[in-house]
Amino acid sequence: MPTVGGVVKKIYRERVMNRPKQQTAITGHAVYLQYTLALPRRAELVSRHLGDLNRVFSRLFGDENFVTLLRAESMMTIPVYLKPLLEEHTCGYEIT
């Protein structure tokens, strides 16, 4: 006849053997390697998003009503990186 301790050990052993396997922690060089391998995909994603934003701002700055709205709201300054886009599409409006 099995002892209570033996039965408990058997139940515990079966539970341990049947539990799902956990992945080991990824640290150090493996993390650096994963980030490095992901860089081209991330760079392409950022490039696509920048292209989308450029198209959006080109369309906005090309709309005379939007530029008039900016002037009406006294928004006379814009970030430096948007200024070339604005100058390209506004044909000399007075937003600086």
PDB file of N, CA and C in Angstrom:
ATOM      1  N   MET A   1       0.830  -1.164   0.000  1.00  0.00           N
ATOM      2  CA  MET A   1       0.000   0.000   0.000  1.00  0.00           C
ATOM      3  C   MET A   1       0.887   1.243   0.000  1.00  0.00           C
ATOM      4  N   PRO A   2       0.636   2.190  -0.973  1.00  0.00           N
ATOM      5  CA  PRO A   2       1.480   3.388  -1.044  1.00  0.00           C
ATOM      6  C   PRO A   2       1.190   4.333   0.112  1.00  0.00           C
ATOM      7  N   THR A   3       2.237   5.050   0.497  1.00  0.00           N
ATOM      8  CA  THR A   3       2.077   6.011   1.588  1.00  0.00           C
ATOM      9  C   THR A   3       1.493   7.312   1.048  1.00  0.00           C
ATOM     10  N   VAL A   4       1.018   8.128   1.969  1.00  0.00           N
ATOM     11  CA  VAL A   4       0.438   9.419   1.578  1.00  0.00           C
ATOM     12  C   VAL A   4       1.510  10.268   0.917  1.00  0.00           C
ATOM     13  N   GLY A   5       2.711  10.256   1.464  1.00  0.00           N
ATOM     14  CA  GLY A   5       3.818  11.029   0.891  1.00  0.00           C
ATOM     15  C   GLY A   5       4.142  10.563  -0.516  1.00  0.00           C
ATOM     16  N   GLY A   6       4.094   9.251  -0.757  1.00  0.00           N
ATOM     17  CA  GLY A   6       4.380   8.707  -2.082  1.00  0.00           C
ATOM     18  C   GLY A   6       3.328   9.125  -3.104  1.00  0.00           C
ATOM     19  N   VAL A   7       2.064   9.143  -2.678  1.00  0.00           N
ATOM     20  CA  VAL A   7       0.972   9.543  -3.564  1.00  0.00           C
ATOM     21  C   VAL A   7       1.107  11.027  -3.922  1.00  0.00           C
ATOM     22  N   VAL A   8       1.430  11.845  -2.931  1.00  0.00           N
ATOM     23  CA  VAL A   8       1.592  13.279  -3.165  1.00  0.00           C
ATOM     24  C   VAL A   8       2.747  13.522  -4.130  1.00  0.00           C
ATOM     25  N   LYS A   9       3.851  12.800  -3.931  1.00  0.00           N
ATOM     26  CA  LYS A   9       4.999  12.948  -4.828  1.00  0.00           C
ATOM     27  C   LYS A   9       4.645  12.532  -6.244  1.00  0.00           C
ATOM     28  N   LYS A  10       3.869  11.458  -6.391  1.00  0.00           N
ATOM     29  CA  LYS A  10       3.479  10.989  -7.721  1.00  0.00           C
ATOM     30  C   LYS A  10       2.583  12.016  -8.411  1.00  0.00           C
ATOM     31  N   ILE A  11       1.626  12.587  -7.679  1.00  0.00           N
ATOM     32  CA  ILE A  11       0.735  13.605  -8.251  1.00  0.00           C
ATOM     33  C   ILE A  11       1.551  14.824  -8.667  1.00  0.00           C
ATOM     34  N   TYR A  12       2.467  15.256  -7.814  1.00  0.00           N
ATOM     35  CA  TYR A  12       3.299  16.417  -8.124  1.00  0.00           C
ATOM     36  C   TYR A  12       4.160  16.142  -9.347  1.00  0.00           C
ATOM     37  N   ARG A  13       4.786  14.967  -9.410  1.00  0.00           N
ATOM     38  CA  ARG A  13       5.653  14.602 -10.527  1.00  0.00           C
ATOM     39  C   ARG A  13       4.867  14.595 -11.842  1.00  0.00           C
ATOM     40  N   GLU A  14       3.659  14.051 -11.830  1.00  0.00           N
ATOM     41  CA  GLU A  14       2.830  14.017 -13.043  1.00  0.00           C
ATOM     42  C   GLU A  14       2.440  15.430 -13.475  1.00  0.00           C
ATOM     43  N   ARG A  15       2.116  16.266 -12.507  1.00  0.00           N
ATOM     44  CA  ARG A  15       1.737  17.635 -12.833  1.00  0.00           C
ATOM     45  C   ARG A  15       2.928  18.383 -13.439  1.00  0.00           C
ATOM     46  N   VAL A  16       4.107  18.180 -12.878  1.00  0.00           N
ATOM     47  CA  VAL A  16       5.308  18.843 -13.391  1.00  0.00           C
ATOM     48  C   VAL A  16       5.622  18.342 -14.800  1.00  0.00           C
ATOM     49  N   MET A  17       5.485  17.067 -15.044  1.00  0.00           N
ATOM     50  CA  MET A  17       5.806  16.491 -16.357  1.00  0.00           C
ATOM     51  C   MET A  17       4.812  16.953 -17.425  1.00  0.00           C
ATOM     52  N   ASN A  18       3.564  17.221 -17.049  1.00  0.00           N
ATOM     53  CA  ASN A  18       2.532  17.570 -18.021  1.00  0.00           C
ATOM     54  C   ASN A  18       2.325  19.076 -18.203  1.00  0.00           C
ATOM     55  N   ARG A  19       3.014  19.904 -17.439  1.00  0.00           N
ATOM     56  CA  ARG A  19       2.812  21.351 -17.597  1.00  0.00           C
ATOM     57  C   ARG A  19       3.479  21.835 -18.888  1.00  0.00           C
ATOM     58  N   PRO A  20       2.940  22.894 -19.469  1.00  0.00           N
ATOM     59  CA  PRO A  20       3.518  23.407 -20.711  1.00  0.00           C
ATOM     60  C   PRO A  20       4.934  23.928 -20.477  1.00  0.00           C
ATOM     61  N   LYS A  21       5.760  23.752 -21.469  1.00  0.00           N
ATOM     62  CA  LYS A  21       7.153  24.193 -21.376  1.00  0.00           C
ATOM     63  C   LYS A  21       7.210  25.713 -21.483  1.00  0.00           C
ATOM     64  N   GLN A  22       7.991  26.342 -20.631  1.00  0.00           N
ATOM     65  CA  GLN A  22       8.180  27.784 -20.673  1.00  0.00           C
ATOM     66  C   GLN A  22       9.456  28.081 -21.447  1.00  0.00           C
ATOM     67  N   GLN A  23       9.387  29.176 -22.209  1.00  0.00           N
ATOM     68  CA  GLN A  23      10.592  29.568 -22.921  1.00  0.00           C
ATOM     69  C   GLN A  23      11.581  30.166 -21.933  1.00  0.00           C
ATOM     70  N   THR A  24      12.841  29.939 -22.206  1.00  0.00           N
ATOM     71  CA  THR A  24      13.853  30.507 -21.336  1.00  0.00           C
ATOM     72  C   THR A  24      13.992  31.993 -21.639  1.00  0.00           C
ATOM     73  N   ALA A  25      14.444  32.735 -20.676  1.00  0.00           N
ATOM     74  CA  ALA A  25      14.612  34.181 -20.836  1.00  0.00           C
ATOM     75  C   ALA A  25      15.710  34.460 -21.865  1.00  0.00           C
ATOM     76  N   ILE A  26      15.446  35.438 -22.701  1.00  0.00           N
ATOM     77  CA  ILE A  26      16.432  35.838 -23.703  1.00  0.00           C
ATOM     78  C   ILE A  26      17.122  37.082 -23.173  1.00  0.00           C
ATOM     79  N   THR A  27      18.425  36.987 -23.006  1.00  0.00           N
ATOM     80  CA  THR A  27      19.155  38.122 -22.459  1.00  0.00           C
ATOM     81  C   THR A  27      20.439  38.338 -23.228  1.00  0.00           C
ATOM     82  N   GLY A  28      21.047  39.484 -22.999  1.00  0.00           N
ATOM     83  CA  GLY A  28      22.368  39.769 -23.522  1.00  0.00           C
ATOM     84  C   GLY A  28      22.459  39.796 -25.026  1.00  0.00           C
ATOM     85  N   HIS A  29      23.350  39.001 -25.546  1.00  0.00           N
ATOM     86  CA  HIS A  29      23.658  39.007 -26.973  1.00  0.00           C
ATOM     87  C   HIS A  29      22.457  38.617 -27.823  1.00  0.00           C
ATOM     88  N   ALA A  30      21.635  37.714 -27.339  1.00  0.00           N
ATOM     89  CA  ALA A  30      20.464  37.279 -28.110  1.00  0.00           C
ATOM     90  C   ALA A  30      19.502  38.438 -28.331  1.00  0.00           C
ATOM     91  N   VAL A  31      19.306  39.279 -27.325  1.00  0.00           N
ATOM     92  CA  VAL A  31      18.424  40.441 -27.466  1.00  0.00           C
ATOM     93  C   VAL A  31      19.013  41.407 -28.475  1.00  0.00           C
ATOM     94  N   TYR A  32      20.303  41.670 -28.357  1.00  0.00           N
ATOM     95  CA  TYR A  32      20.986  42.567 -29.294  1.00  0.00           C
ATOM     96  C   TYR A  32      20.851  42.040 -30.710  1.00  0.00           C
ATOM     97  N   LEU A  33      20.997  40.749 -30.894  1.00  0.00           N
ATOM     98  CA  LEU A  33      20.884  40.137 -32.212  1.00  0.00           C
ATOM     99  C   LEU A  33      19.471  40.271 -32.765  1.00  0.00           C
ATOM    100  N   GLN A  34      18.463  40.055 -31.915  1.00  0.00           N
ATOM    101  CA  GLN A  34      17.072  40.205 -32.380  1.00  0.00           C
ATOM    102  C   GLN A  34      16.783  41.632 -32.802  1.00  0.00           C
ATOM    103  N   TYR A  35      17.234  42.608 -32.020  1.00  0.00           N
ATOM    104  CA  TYR A  35      17.022  44.015 -32.380  1.00  0.00           C
ATOM    105  C   TYR A  35      17.741  44.353 -33.684  1.00  0.00           C
ATOM    106  N   THR A  36      18.933  43.840 -33.853  1.00  0.00           N
ATOM    107  CA  THR A  36      19.693  44.106 -35.064  1.00  0.00           C
ATOM    108  C   THR A  36      19.004  43.511 -36.281  1.00  0.00           C
ATOM    109  N   LEU A  37      18.489  42.315 -36.152  1.00  0.00           N
ATOM    110  CA  LEU A  37      17.799  41.678 -37.273  1.00  0.00           C
ATOM    111  C   LEU A  37      16.484  42.380 -37.595  1.00  0.00           C
ATOM    112  N   ALA A  38      15.873  43.028 -36.609  1.00  0.00           N
ATOM    113  CA  ALA A  38      14.602  43.721 -36.820  1.00  0.00           C
ATOM    114  C   ALA A  38      14.787  45.121 -37.402  1.00  0.00           C
ATOM    115  N   LEU A  39      16.000  45.649 -37.415  1.00  0.00           N
ATOM    116  CA  LEU A  39      16.226  47.019 -37.879  1.00  0.00           C
ATOM    117  C   LEU A  39      15.750  47.284 -39.302  1.00  0.00           C
ATOM    118  N   PRO A  40      16.050  46.444 -40.283  1.00  0.00           N
ATOM    119  CA  PRO A  40      15.576  46.751 -41.640  1.00  0.00           C
ATOM    120  C   PRO A  40      14.055  46.854 -41.738  1.00  0.00           C
ATOM    121  N   ARG A  41      13.335  45.981 -41.043  1.00  0.00           N
ATOM    122  CA  ARG A  41      11.866  46.052 -41.065  1.00  0.00           C
ATOM    123  C   ARG A  41      11.376  47.335 -40.406  1.00  0.00           C
ATOM    124  N   ARG A  42      11.982  47.688 -39.276  1.00  0.00           N
ATOM    125  CA  ARG A  42      11.578  48.910 -38.583  1.00  0.00           C
ATOM    126  C   ARG A  42      11.903  50.134 -39.411  1.00  0.00           C
ATOM    127  N   ALA A  43      13.058  50.143 -40.075  1.00  0.00           N
ATOM    128  CA  ALA A  43      13.439  51.278 -40.925  1.00  0.00           C
ATOM    129  C   ALA A  43      12.462  51.422 -42.085  1.00  0.00           C
ATOM    130  N   GLU A  44      12.058  50.315 -42.668  1.00  0.00           N
ATOM    131  CA  GLU A  44      11.096  50.381 -43.777  1.00  0.00           C
ATOM    132  C   GLU A  44       9.746  50.912 -43.289  1.00  0.00           C
ATOM    133  N   LEU A  45       9.320  50.490 -42.116  1.00  0.00           N
ATOM    134  CA  LEU A  45       8.065  50.960 -41.540  1.00  0.00           C
ATOM    135  C   LEU A  45       8.115  52.468 -41.288  1.00  0.00           C
ATOM    136  N   VAL A  46       9.213  52.945 -40.718  1.00  0.00           N
ATOM    137  CA  VAL A  46       9.366  54.378 -40.462  1.00  0.00           C
ATOM    138  C   VAL A  46       9.376  55.142 -41.776  1.00  0.00           C
ATOM    139  N   SER A  47      10.039  54.608 -42.774  1.00  0.00           N
ATOM    140  CA  SER A  47      10.084  55.258 -44.088  1.00  0.00           C
ATOM    141  C   SER A  47       8.688  55.371 -44.694  1.00  0.00           C
ATOM    142  N   ARG A  48       7.907  54.305 -44.587  1.00  0.00           N
ATOM    143  CA  ARG A  48       6.540  54.346 -45.114  1.00  0.00           C
ATOM    144  C   ARG A  48       5.690  55.370 -44.373  1.00  0.00           C
ATOM    145  N   HIS A  49       5.842  55.423 -43.050  1.00  0.00           N
ATOM    146  CA  HIS A  49       5.072  56.385 -42.271  1.00  0.00           C
ATOM    147  C   HIS A  49       5.463  57.818 -42.613  1.00  0.00           C
ATOM    148  N   LEU A  50       6.762  58.066 -42.807  1.00  0.00           N
ATOM    149  CA  LEU A  50       7.196  59.407 -43.201  1.00  0.00           C
ATOM    150  C   LEU A  50       6.643  59.784 -44.570  1.00  0.00           C
ATOM    151  N   GLY A  51       6.616  58.842 -45.472  1.00  0.00           N
ATOM    152  CA  GLY A  51       6.033  59.098 -46.792  1.00  0.00           C
ATOM    153  C   GLY A  51       4.554  59.442 -46.687  1.00  0.00           C
ATOM    154  N   ASP A  52       3.845  58.708 -45.844  1.00  0.00           N
ATOM    155  CA  ASP A  52       2.417  58.997 -45.629  1.00  0.00           C
ATOM    156  C   ASP A  52       2.221  60.394 -45.051  1.00  0.00           C
ATOM    157  N   LEU A  53       3.049  60.741 -44.057  1.00  0.00           N
ATOM    158  CA  LEU A  53       2.933  62.069 -43.455  1.00  0.00           C
ATOM    159  C   LEU A  53       3.259  63.171 -44.456  1.00  0.00           C
ATOM    160  N   ASN A  54       4.261  62.956 -45.283  1.00  0.00           N
ATOM    161  CA  ASN A  54       4.593  63.949 -46.310  1.00  0.00           C
ATOM    162  C   ASN A  54       3.432  64.141 -47.272  1.00  0.00           C
ATOM    163  N   ARG A  55       2.781  63.059 -47.660  1.00  0.00           N
ATOM    164  CA  ARG A  55       1.615  63.180 -48.558  1.00  0.00           C
ATOM    165  C   ARG A  55       0.478  63.935 -47.877  1.00  0.00           C
ATOM    166  N   VAL A  56       0.256  63.657 -46.606  1.00  0.00           N
ATOM    167  CA  VAL A  56      -0.816  64.343 -45.873  1.00  0.00           C
ATOM    168  C   VAL A  56      -0.525  65.840 -45.795  1.00  0.00           C
ATOM    169  N   PHE A  57       0.697  66.203 -45.397  1.00  0.00           N
ATOM    170  CA  PHE A  57       1.020  67.622 -45.275  1.00  0.00           C
ATOM    171  C   PHE A  57       1.064  68.307 -46.630  1.00  0.00           C
ATOM    172  N   SER A  58       1.507  67.613 -47.663  1.00  0.00           N
ATOM    173  CA  SER A  58       1.490  68.199 -49.002  1.00  0.00           C
ATOM    174  C   SER A  58       0.061  68.537 -49.405  1.00  0.00           C
ATOM    175  N   ARG A  59      -0.825  67.630 -49.125  1.00  0.00           N
ATOM    176  CA  ARG A  59      -2.226  67.856 -49.478  1.00  0.00           C
ATOM    177  C   ARG A  59      -2.820  69.004 -48.658  1.00  0.00           C
ATOM    178  N   LEU A  60      -2.504  69.045 -47.363  1.00  0.00           N
ATOM    179  CA  LEU A  60      -3.011  70.119 -46.514  1.00  0.00           C
ATOM    180  C   LEU A  60      -2.467  71.481 -46.959  1.00  0.00           C
ATOM    181  N   PHE A  61      -1.161  71.565 -47.172  1.00  0.00           N
ATOM    182  CA  PHE A  61      -0.566  72.841 -47.541  1.00  0.00           C
ATOM    183  C   PHE A  61      -0.935  73.252 -48.959  1.00  0.00           C
ATOM    184  N   GLY A  62      -1.340  72.311 -49.768  1.00  0.00           N
ATOM    185  CA  GLY A  62      -1.800  72.627 -51.111  1.00  0.00           C
ATOM    186  C   GLY A  62      -3.225  73.161 -51.130  1.00  0.00           C
ATOM    187  N   ASP A  63      -3.933  72.997 -50.028  1.00  0.00           N
ATOM    188  CA  ASP A  63      -5.311  73.463 -49.920  1.00  0.00           C
ATOM    189  C   ASP A  63      -5.310  74.919 -49.447  1.00  0.00           C
ATOM    190  N   GLU A  64      -5.736  75.813 -50.310  1.00  0.00           N
ATOM    191  CA  GLU A  64      -5.728  77.239 -50.003  1.00  0.00           C
ATOM    192  C   GLU A  64      -6.587  77.555 -48.782  1.00  0.00           C
ATOM    193  N   ASN A  65      -7.687  76.848 -48.614  1.00  0.00           N
ATOM    194  CA  ASN A  65      -8.562  77.078 -47.456  1.00  0.00           C
ATOM    195  C   ASN A  65      -7.860  76.725 -46.143  1.00  0.00           C
ATOM    196  N   PHE A  66      -7.055  75.679 -46.149  1.00  0.00           N
ATOM    197  CA  PHE A  66      -6.322  75.291 -44.942  1.00  0.00           C
ATOM    198  C   PHE A  66      -5.289  76.359 -44.587  1.00  0.00           C
ATOM    199  N   VAL A  67      -4.579  76.849 -45.578  1.00  0.00           N
ATOM    200  CA  VAL A  67      -3.574  77.887 -45.339  1.00  0.00           C
ATOM    201  C   VAL A  67      -4.261  79.156 -44.824  1.00  0.00           C
ATOM    202  N   THR A  68      -5.414  79.488 -45.386  1.00  0.00           N
ATOM    203  CA  THR A  68      -6.178  80.642 -44.912  1.00  0.00           C
ATOM    204  C   THR A  68      -6.612  80.437 -43.463  1.00  0.00           C
ATOM    205  N   LEU A  69      -7.012  79.229 -43.128  1.00  0.00           N
ATOM    206  CA  LEU A  69      -7.393  78.906 -41.751  1.00  0.00           C
ATOM    207  C   LEU A  69      -6.211  79.090 -40.808  1.00  0.00           C
ATOM    208  N   LEU A  70      -5.034  78.650 -41.225  1.00  0.00           N
ATOM    209  CA  LEU A  70      -3.842  78.840 -40.394  1.00  0.00           C
ATOM    210  C   LEU A  70      -3.621  80.319 -40.123  1.00  0.00           C
ATOM    211  N   ARG A  71      -3.740  81.126 -41.174  1.00  0.00           N
ATOM    212  CA  ARG A  71      -3.562  82.569 -41.021  1.00  0.00           C
ATOM    213  C   ARG A  71      -4.637  83.151 -40.113  1.00  0.00           C
ATOM    214  N   ALA A  72      -5.881  82.728 -40.280  1.00  0.00           N
ATOM    215  CA  ALA A  72      -6.987  83.246 -39.488  1.00  0.00           C
ATOM    216  C   ALA A  72      -6.827  82.905 -38.011  1.00  0.00           C
ATOM    217  N   GLU A  73      -6.237  81.772 -37.715  1.00  0.00           N
ATOM    218  CA  GLU A  73      -6.017  81.355 -36.329  1.00  0.00           C
ATOM    219  C   GLU A  73      -4.708  81.890 -35.767  1.00  0.00           C
ATOM    220  N   SER A  74      -4.077  82.783 -36.506  1.00  0.00           N
ATOM    221  CA  SER A  74      -2.806  83.403 -36.099  1.00  0.00           C
ATOM    222  C   SER A  74      -1.696  82.381 -35.890  1.00  0.00           C
ATOM    223  N   MET A  75      -1.706  81.349 -36.674  1.00  0.00           N
ATOM    224  CA  MET A  75      -0.626  80.361 -36.626  1.00  0.00           C
ATOM    225  C   MET A  75       0.370  80.731 -37.715  1.00  0.00           C
ATOM    226  N   MET A  76       1.243  81.639 -37.359  1.00  0.00           N
ATOM    227  CA  MET A  76       2.156  82.188 -38.345  1.00  0.00           C
ATOM    228  C   MET A  76       3.504  81.482 -38.356  1.00  0.00           C
ATOM    229  N   THR A  77       3.764  80.591 -37.438  1.00  0.00           N
ATOM    230  CA  THR A  77       5.023  79.859 -37.440  1.00  0.00           C
ATOM    231  C   THR A  77       4.734  78.364 -37.561  1.00  0.00           C
ATOM    232  N   ILE A  78       5.629  77.664 -38.226  1.00  0.00           N
ATOM    233  CA  ILE A  78       5.522  76.219 -38.365  1.00  0.00           C
ATOM    234  C   ILE A  78       6.889  75.618 -38.087  1.00  0.00           C
ATOM    235  N   PRO A  79       6.965  74.354 -37.780  1.00  0.00           N
ATOM    236  CA  PRO A  79       8.264  73.714 -37.559  1.00  0.00           C
ATOM    237  C   PRO A  79       9.149  73.804 -38.798  1.00  0.00           C
ATOM    238  N   VAL A  80      10.448  73.898 -38.570  1.00  0.00           N
ATOM    239  CA  VAL A  80      11.419  74.085 -39.648  1.00  0.00           C
ATOM    240  C   VAL A  80      11.328  72.970 -40.686  1.00  0.00           C
ATOM    241  N   TYR A  81      11.126  71.744 -40.271  1.00  0.00           N
ATOM    242  CA  TYR A  81      11.111  70.631 -41.212  1.00  0.00           C
ATOM    243  C   TYR A  81       9.873  70.627 -42.098  1.00  0.00           C
ATOM    244  N   LEU A  82       8.833  71.395 -41.746  1.00  0.00           N
ATOM    245  CA  LEU A  82       7.649  71.485 -42.602  1.00  0.00           C
ATOM    246  C   LEU A  82       7.697  72.685 -43.546  1.00  0.00           C
ATOM    247  N   LYS A  83       8.588  73.630 -43.272  1.00  0.00           N
ATOM    248  CA  LYS A  83       8.643  74.849 -44.067  1.00  0.00           C
ATOM    249  C   LYS A  83       8.894  74.582 -45.551  1.00  0.00           C
ATOM    250  N   PRO A  84       9.845  73.720 -45.945  1.00  0.00           N
ATOM    251  CA  PRO A  84      10.036  73.466 -47.389  1.00  0.00           C
ATOM    252  C   PRO A  84       8.770  72.912 -48.057  1.00  0.00           C
ATOM    253  N   LEU A  85       8.046  72.071 -47.346  1.00  0.00           N
ATOM    254  CA  LEU A  85       6.805  71.528 -47.895  1.00  0.00           C
ATOM    255  C   LEU A  85       5.778  72.622 -48.107  1.00  0.00           C
ATOM    256  N   LEU A  86       5.686  73.527 -47.144  1.00  0.00           N
ATOM    257  CA  LEU A  86       4.731  74.625 -47.237  1.00  0.00           C
ATOM    258  C   LEU A  86       5.106  75.560 -48.379  1.00  0.00           C
ATOM    259  N   GLU A  87       6.383  75.908 -48.481  1.00  0.00           N
ATOM    260  CA  GLU A  87       6.826  76.807 -49.545  1.00  0.00           C
ATOM    261  C   GLU A  87       6.603  76.199 -50.922  1.00  0.00           C
ATOM    262  N   GLU A  88       6.767  74.915 -51.028  1.00  0.00           N
ATOM    263  CA  GLU A  88       6.586  74.231 -52.307  1.00  0.00           C
ATOM    264  C   GLU A  88       5.135  74.322 -52.796  1.00  0.00           C
ATOM    265  N   HIS A  89       4.190  74.280 -51.865  1.00  0.00           N
ATOM    266  CA  HIS A  89       2.778  74.202 -52.250  1.00  0.00           C
ATOM    267  C   HIS A  89       2.004  75.498 -52.122  1.00  0.00           C
ATOM    268  N   THR A  90       2.509  76.487 -51.387  1.00  0.00           N
ATOM    269  CA  THR A  90       1.709  77.676 -51.165  1.00  0.00           C
ATOM    270  C   THR A  90       1.968  78.774 -52.176  1.00  0.00           C
ATOM    271  N   CYS A  91       3.029  78.683 -52.922  1.00  0.00           N
ATOM    272  CA  CYS A  91       3.352  79.668 -53.954  1.00  0.00           C
ATOM    273  C   CYS A  91       3.384  81.076 -53.392  1.00  0.00           C
ATOM    274  N   GLY A  92       4.060  81.266 -52.269  1.00  0.00           N
ATOM    275  CA  GLY A  92       4.303  82.612 -51.772  1.00  0.00           C
ATOM    276  C   GLY A  92       3.316  83.155 -50.765  1.00  0.00           C
ATOM    277  N   TYR A  93       2.484  82.306 -50.145  1.00  0.00           N
ATOM    278  CA  TYR A  93       1.630  82.813 -49.066  1.00  0.00           C
ATOM    279  C   TYR A  93       2.510  83.271 -47.918  1.00  0.00           C
ATOM    280  N   GLU A  94       1.958  84.040 -47.010  1.00  0.00           N
ATOM    281  CA  GLU A  94       2.763  84.701 -45.987  1.00  0.00           C
ATOM    282  C   GLU A  94       2.833  83.946 -44.671  1.00  0.00           C
ATOM    283  N   ILE A  95       3.014  82.684 -44.677  1.00  0.00           N
ATOM    284  CA  ILE A  95       3.203  81.954 -43.411  1.00  0.00           C
ATOM    285  C   ILE A  95       4.690  81.709 -43.264  1.00  0.00           C
ATOM    286  N   THR A  96       5.269  82.120 -42.134  1.00  0.00           N
ATOM    287  CA  THR A  96       6.711  81.969 -41.923  1.00  0.00           C
ATOM    288  C   THR A  96       6.979  80.960 -40.855  1.00  0.00           C
TER     289      THR A  96
END
